[in-house]
Protein backbone atom coordinates (compact mmCIF):
# COMPACT_ATOMS: atom_id res chain seq x y z
CA MET A 1 11.71 -2.75 21.60
CA LYS A 2 14.70 -4.99 21.18
CA ARG A 3 18.15 -4.06 21.41
CA SER A 4 20.31 -7.11 19.57
CA LEU A 5 20.99 -7.92 16.35
CA VAL A 6 22.15 -11.41 16.53
CA HIS A 7 19.40 -12.88 15.21
CA LEU A 8 21.30 -11.24 11.98
CA PRO A 9 24.23 -12.71 10.16
CA ARG A 10 27.44 -11.07 10.84
CA GLU A 11 27.40 -9.09 7.13
CA LYS A 12 24.42 -7.86 7.54
CA ARG A 13 25.02 -6.38 10.95
CA ASP A 14 27.86 -5.01 9.79
CA GLU A 15 25.51 -2.87 7.51
CA LEU A 16 23.48 -1.89 9.51
CA LYS A 17 25.47 0.06 12.03
CA ALA A 18 27.60 1.57 8.53
CA VAL A 19 24.10 2.95 7.59
CA VAL A 20 23.48 3.99 11.51
CA ASP A 21 27.12 6.06 10.99
CA ILE A 22 25.88 7.66 8.06
CA ILE A 23 22.47 8.60 9.19
CA THR A 24 23.70 10.16 12.44
CA GLU A 25 26.58 12.18 10.73
CA LEU A 26 23.38 13.63 8.77
CA ILE A 27 20.72 13.92 10.81
CA ASP A 28 20.34 14.76 14.50
CA ALA A 29 18.16 11.77 15.25
CA GLU A 30 16.53 10.85 18.15
CA PHE A 31 15.64 7.57 17.53
CA ILE A 32 16.57 5.10 14.53
CA ILE A 33 14.51 1.93 14.95
CA LEU A 34 14.88 -1.19 12.52
CA PHE A 35 12.06 -2.38 11.91
CA GLY A 36 9.73 -4.94 9.36
CA SER A 37 11.02 -7.87 7.71
CA TYR A 38 14.54 -7.36 9.54
CA ALA A 39 13.37 -7.13 12.30
CA ARG A 40 11.76 -9.31 12.70
CA GLY A 41 13.85 -12.35 10.98
CA ASP A 42 11.87 -13.61 8.22
CA TRP A 43 13.93 -11.40 5.43
CA VAL A 44 13.88 -12.40 1.83
CA GLU A 45 16.24 -12.44 -0.73
CA ASP A 46 15.75 -14.24 -3.33
CA ARG A 47 17.39 -14.97 -7.14
CA TYR A 48 16.39 -17.46 -9.62
CA THR A 49 15.52 -17.63 -13.94
CA ALA A 50 12.09 -18.89 -15.36
CA GLU A 51 11.93 -21.12 -18.22
CA ASP A 52 12.05 -17.68 -19.97
CA GLY A 53 15.43 -16.80 -19.02
CA ILE A 54 14.35 -13.78 -17.46
CA THR A 55 16.12 -13.49 -13.73
CA TYR A 56 14.25 -12.60 -11.64
CA GLU A 57 15.33 -11.53 -8.41
CA TYR A 58 13.50 -9.70 -4.75
CA LYS A 59 15.47 -8.64 -1.56
CA SER A 60 13.73 -7.39 1.23
CA ASP A 61 14.64 -4.09 2.51
CA TYR A 62 15.94 -2.75 5.58
CA ASP A 63 12.44 -0.62 6.76
CA LEU A 64 14.45 2.29 8.99
CA LEU A 65 12.38 4.88 10.95
CA VAL A 66 14.18 7.44 12.01
CA VAL A 67 12.62 9.91 14.73
CA ILE A 68 13.70 13.53 14.47
CA GLN A 69 12.93 16.69 16.67
CA ASP A 70 13.09 19.43 14.15
CA LEU A 71 12.03 17.18 11.88
CA PRO A 72 10.91 20.50 9.14
CA LYS A 73 14.72 21.06 9.34
CA TYR A 74 15.08 17.92 7.15
CA GLN A 75 11.92 16.35 5.70
CA TYR A 76 12.01 17.54 2.03
CA LYS A 77 15.49 18.08 1.58
CA GLY A 78 16.54 15.07 0.10
CA TYR A 79 18.11 13.38 2.82
CA ARG A 80 17.06 9.89 2.48
CA ASN A 81 18.31 9.52 -0.80
CA ARG A 82 21.74 11.08 0.20
CA ILE A 83 21.94 8.53 3.14
CA LYS A 84 20.88 5.92 0.27
CA TYR A 85 23.67 7.23 -1.92
CA ARG A 86 26.05 6.93 0.44
CA ALA A 87 24.98 3.55 2.03
CA ARG A 88 25.81 2.07 -1.35
CA LYS A 89 28.76 4.01 -2.60
CA PHE A 90 31.02 4.39 0.64
CA ALA A 91 29.55 1.62 3.17
CA GLY A 92 29.08 -1.04 0.37
CA CYS A 93 25.29 -1.80 1.82
CA THR A 94 23.95 -4.04 -1.32
CA THR A 95 20.67 -4.72 1.19
CA PRO A 96 18.08 -1.28 -0.39
CA LEU A 97 16.99 1.05 2.43
CA SER A 98 13.31 2.22 2.79
CA ILE A 99 13.43 5.14 5.29
CA ILE A 100 10.62 7.16 7.03
CA LEU A 101 10.90 9.94 9.16
CA HIS A 102 8.65 11.35 11.78
CA SER A 103 8.84 13.62 14.66
CA VAL A 104 9.35 12.92 18.78
CA ASP A 105 5.80 14.54 19.09
CA GLU A 106 4.49 12.13 16.01
CA PHE A 107 6.05 9.15 17.59
CA ARG A 108 5.35 9.46 21.24
CA GLN A 109 1.49 10.82 20.18
CA ALA A 110 1.11 8.05 17.97
CA ILE A 111 1.99 5.00 20.73
CA LYS A 112 -0.53 6.22 22.58
CA ASN A 113 -3.12 6.32 20.98
CA GLY A 114 -1.99 3.10 20.24
CA GLU A 115 -1.48 3.54 15.80
CA TYR A 116 -1.15 -0.06 15.27
CA PHE A 117 1.55 0.50 12.53
CA PHE A 118 3.94 2.26 14.79
CA VAL A 119 3.24 -0.22 18.46
CA ASP A 120 3.98 -2.95 16.27
CA ILE A 121 7.22 -0.79 15.55
CA LYS A 122 7.52 -0.53 19.15
CA LYS A 123 6.99 -4.04 20.22
CA GLU A 124 8.94 -5.56 17.49
CA GLY A 125 11.56 -3.03 16.31
CA VAL A 126 15.01 -2.68 17.14
CA MET A 127 16.35 0.27 18.50
CA LEU A 128 20.02 0.73 16.75
CA TYR A 129 20.37 4.07 18.32
CA ARG A 130 19.13 6.22 20.36
CA SER A 131 20.23 9.78 21.81
CA GLY A 132 18.73 9.18 25.36
CA ARG A 133 17.54 12.86 25.24
CA PHE A 134 13.23 11.01 25.30
CA ARG A 135 11.70 8.33 26.41
CA LEU A 136 8.65 6.31 24.80
CA PRO A 137 5.82 5.97 26.52
CA VAL A 138 3.49 3.41 27.04
CA ALA A 139 1.28 1.91 24.33
CA ARG A 140 -2.51 1.87 24.09
CA LYS A 141 -4.03 -1.44 22.75
CA LEU A 142 -6.69 -0.60 20.40
CA SER A 143 -9.66 -3.49 20.30
CA SER A 144 -10.06 -5.70 17.60
CA LYS A 145 -13.49 -3.52 17.07
CA GLU A 146 -11.51 -0.37 17.40
CA ARG A 147 -9.16 -1.86 15.13
CA LYS A 148 -11.75 -2.95 12.33
CA ASN A 149 -13.76 0.36 13.03
CA LYS A 150 -10.53 2.41 11.75
CA ALA A 151 -9.69 0.14 8.19
CA GLU A 152 -13.11 0.79 7.68
CA THR A 153 -12.82 4.19 8.30
CA HIS A 154 -9.91 3.91 6.07
CA PHE A 155 -11.43 2.04 3.51
CA ARG A 156 -14.03 3.56 2.38
CA ASN A 157 -12.66 7.02 2.55
CA TRP A 158 -9.61 6.23 0.23
CA PHE A 159 -11.22 3.61 -1.94
CA GLU A 160 -13.74 6.02 -2.84
CA SER A 161 -11.07 8.57 -3.38
CA ALA A 162 -8.75 6.56 -5.49
CA LYS A 163 -12.04 5.56 -8.01
CA GLU A 164 -12.59 9.32 -8.34
CA PHE A 165 -9.22 10.03 -9.06
CA TYR A 166 -9.59 7.12 -12.28
CA ASP A 167 -13.22 8.51 -12.91
CA ASN A 168 -11.18 11.86 -13.51
CA PHE A 169 -8.67 10.32 -15.63
CA GLN A 170 -11.70 8.53 -18.00
CA MET A 171 -13.05 11.90 -18.33
CA ASN A 172 -9.32 13.66 -19.52
CA LEU A 173 -8.32 10.65 -21.43
CA ASN A 174 -11.83 10.86 -23.71
CA LEU A 175 -11.01 14.79 -23.97
CA GLN A 176 -7.63 13.36 -25.16
CA ARG A 177 -5.88 15.91 -22.41
CA TYR A 178 -3.21 13.02 -22.32
CA SER A 179 -0.58 14.34 -19.56
CA ASN A 180 -4.23 15.51 -17.62
CA ALA A 181 -5.16 11.62 -18.10
CA ALA A 182 -1.75 10.67 -16.72
CA PHE A 183 -1.35 12.43 -13.24
CA GLN A 184 -4.68 11.66 -12.70
CA LEU A 185 -4.02 7.87 -13.18
CA HIS A 186 -1.17 7.58 -11.17
CA GLN A 187 -3.10 9.49 -8.07
CA ALA A 188 -5.70 6.59 -8.60
CA ALA A 189 -2.49 3.57 -8.61
CA GLU A 190 -1.31 5.90 -5.45
CA ARG A 191 -4.41 5.97 -2.92
CA PHE A 192 -5.40 2.30 -3.80
CA TYR A 193 -2.15 1.85 -2.47
CA HIS A 194 -2.78 4.10 0.42
CA THR A 195 -6.17 2.03 0.70
CA VAL A 196 -4.22 -1.39 1.30
CA LEU A 197 -2.13 0.38 3.66
CA LEU A 198 -4.18 2.47 5.83
CA VAL A 199 -6.26 -1.18 5.97
CA PHE A 200 -3.19 -3.37 7.13
CA THR A 201 -1.19 -1.41 9.18
CA ASP A 202 -2.80 2.94 10.07
CA TYR A 203 -0.21 3.64 8.26
CA LYS A 204 0.90 5.56 4.82
CA PRO A 205 4.55 7.45 4.33
CA ARG A 206 4.82 10.90 2.85
CA THR A 207 5.61 9.50 -0.38
CA HIS A 208 4.06 9.95 -3.35
CA ASP A 209 6.99 7.05 -5.25
CA LEU A 210 4.43 4.28 -6.80
CA VAL A 211 7.97 2.05 -6.33
CA GLU A 212 8.00 2.99 -2.53
CA LEU A 213 4.51 2.11 -1.83
CA GLY A 214 4.20 -0.73 -3.98
CA LYS A 215 7.03 -2.25 -2.10
CA ARG A 216 5.12 -1.80 0.99
CA VAL A 217 1.92 -3.27 -0.29
CA ASP A 218 3.59 -6.43 -1.77
CA GLN A 219 4.95 -7.18 2.15
CA LEU A 220 1.07 -7.10 2.57
CA SER A 221 -0.63 -9.12 0.52
CA SER A 222 0.54 -11.71 -2.76
CA GLY A 223 -0.87 -10.55 -6.24
CA PHE A 224 0.56 -7.15 -6.46
CA LYS A 225 3.79 -7.76 -7.99
CA GLU A 226 2.83 -8.78 -10.99
CA ILE A 227 -0.21 -6.28 -11.51
CA PHE A 228 3.20 -3.51 -12.63
CA SER A 229 5.25 -6.75 -14.07
CA GLN A 230 8.70 -4.94 -15.53
CA ASN A 231 10.04 -7.72 -17.27
CA THR A 232 10.75 -6.62 -20.87
CA ASP A 233 12.09 -2.81 -21.54
CA GLU A 234 8.39 -1.98 -22.62
CA GLU A 235 7.04 -2.61 -19.59
CA LYS A 236 9.77 -0.63 -17.93
CA HIS A 237 9.06 2.33 -20.35
CA LEU A 238 5.09 2.57 -19.72
CA PHE A 239 5.31 2.01 -15.81
CA GLU A 240 8.03 4.79 -15.75
CA LEU A 241 5.47 7.17 -17.72
CA LEU A 242 2.99 6.85 -14.73
CA LYS A 243 5.46 6.86 -11.98
CA CYS A 244 6.58 9.45 -13.17
CA ALA A 245 3.76 11.73 -14.23
CA TYR A 246 3.05 12.81 -10.58
CA THR A 247 5.31 15.86 -11.43
CA GLU A 248 6.35 15.31 -15.32
CA ALA A 249 2.76 15.48 -16.87
CA ARG A 250 1.92 18.36 -14.59
CA TYR A 251 5.33 20.55 -14.99
CA ASN A 252 6.97 18.93 -17.95
CA MET A 253 5.86 20.08 -21.04
CA ARG A 254 7.99 17.32 -22.83
CA TYR A 255 6.14 14.87 -21.73
CA LYS A 256 4.36 12.68 -23.33
CA ILE A 257 1.99 9.93 -23.35
CA THR A 258 -0.21 8.01 -25.99
CA ARG A 259 -3.77 7.00 -25.48
CA GLU A 260 -2.21 3.72 -26.34
CA GLU A 261 -0.13 3.65 -23.51
CA LEU A 262 -2.68 5.35 -21.05
CA GLU A 263 -4.98 3.16 -22.10
CA TYR A 264 -2.72 -0.27 -21.36
CA LEU A 265 -1.83 1.50 -18.46
CA ALA A 266 -6.00 2.22 -17.14
CA GLU A 267 -6.25 -1.85 -17.14
CA ARG A 268 -3.27 -2.16 -14.59
CA VAL A 269 -4.88 0.21 -12.24
CA ALA A 270 -8.02 -1.33 -12.84
CA MET A 271 -6.96 -4.80 -11.96
CA LEU A 272 -4.98 -2.47 -8.95
CA ARG A 273 -8.33 -1.87 -8.13
CA GLN A 274 -9.88 -4.92 -7.64
CA LEU A 275 -7.29 -6.89 -6.02
CA THR A 276 -7.40 -3.36 -3.39
CA GLU A 277 -10.91 -4.22 -3.11
CA GLU A 278 -10.39 -7.55 -2.52
CA VAL A 279 -7.74 -7.47 -0.27
CA CYS A 280 -9.14 -5.09 1.75
CA ARG A 281 -12.97 -6.21 2.60
CA ALA A 282 -10.83 -9.90 3.48
CA LYS A 283 -9.12 -7.96 6.14
CA ILE A 284 -11.95 -6.00 7.44
CA ASN A 285 -13.57 -9.15 7.57
CA GLY A 286 -11.54 -10.87 9.25
CA PHE A 287 -11.69 -8.28 12.37
CA THR A 288 -13.54 -10.25 15.47
CA GLU A 289 -15.98 -7.97 17.59
């Protein structure tokens, strides 16, 4: 694992140092590891204005793995949001943060098992902080056949599950149970994203946030960005209805969505389904025996 950030500009190194200071102040971390585009050196910061006058901006996230001995103490208590808030407000960090939390046991066992998301992090990542209390094991390298078998299993299980939720959405739509239909549609979209992530990386984060899942999928294959385009206020509103349906559609009696809005979103999720199947089958076929 690398230990230097010399490939990054000074302002990026300063941002990451400030973020690490915030994390270690809030969390008793064992390892903090930078992975993804900023670790590899192929990050993107792109801003342009199209002919229609709309300005588009895309920034790669700092992908951070925070490994903790006592994971339940931090996992579901809003620490990731607190870190992001402090990074923006007090450290002036303008680069988006994507943070995943795992226990020491999970991380070490995943490396031993050859789970290639974590093996790639160990190989390509940059160690930003370590407590010195634990050492990382030697990674087991999976054969192409093993990786293909895992990808096929993931695709079979998760793609079928996503289709079942889409079928449940259609049933609830026909019964005019619109809030329930919205929840089912959210779950279909979430699971199509999970399918892509698992086939490509053997990993899915513990989140129901379609924004975060969409960002991760965008990095793996082109074409996904435009499915839930948000170039207009109406598109933003419709996506927000789907995004918040995981909780709001079930627990908030004031959540409202119309049949027309659901039908529009269903078209987008159907596009997500088609692209998911195409890219996953191509990825699986690309593994050599």
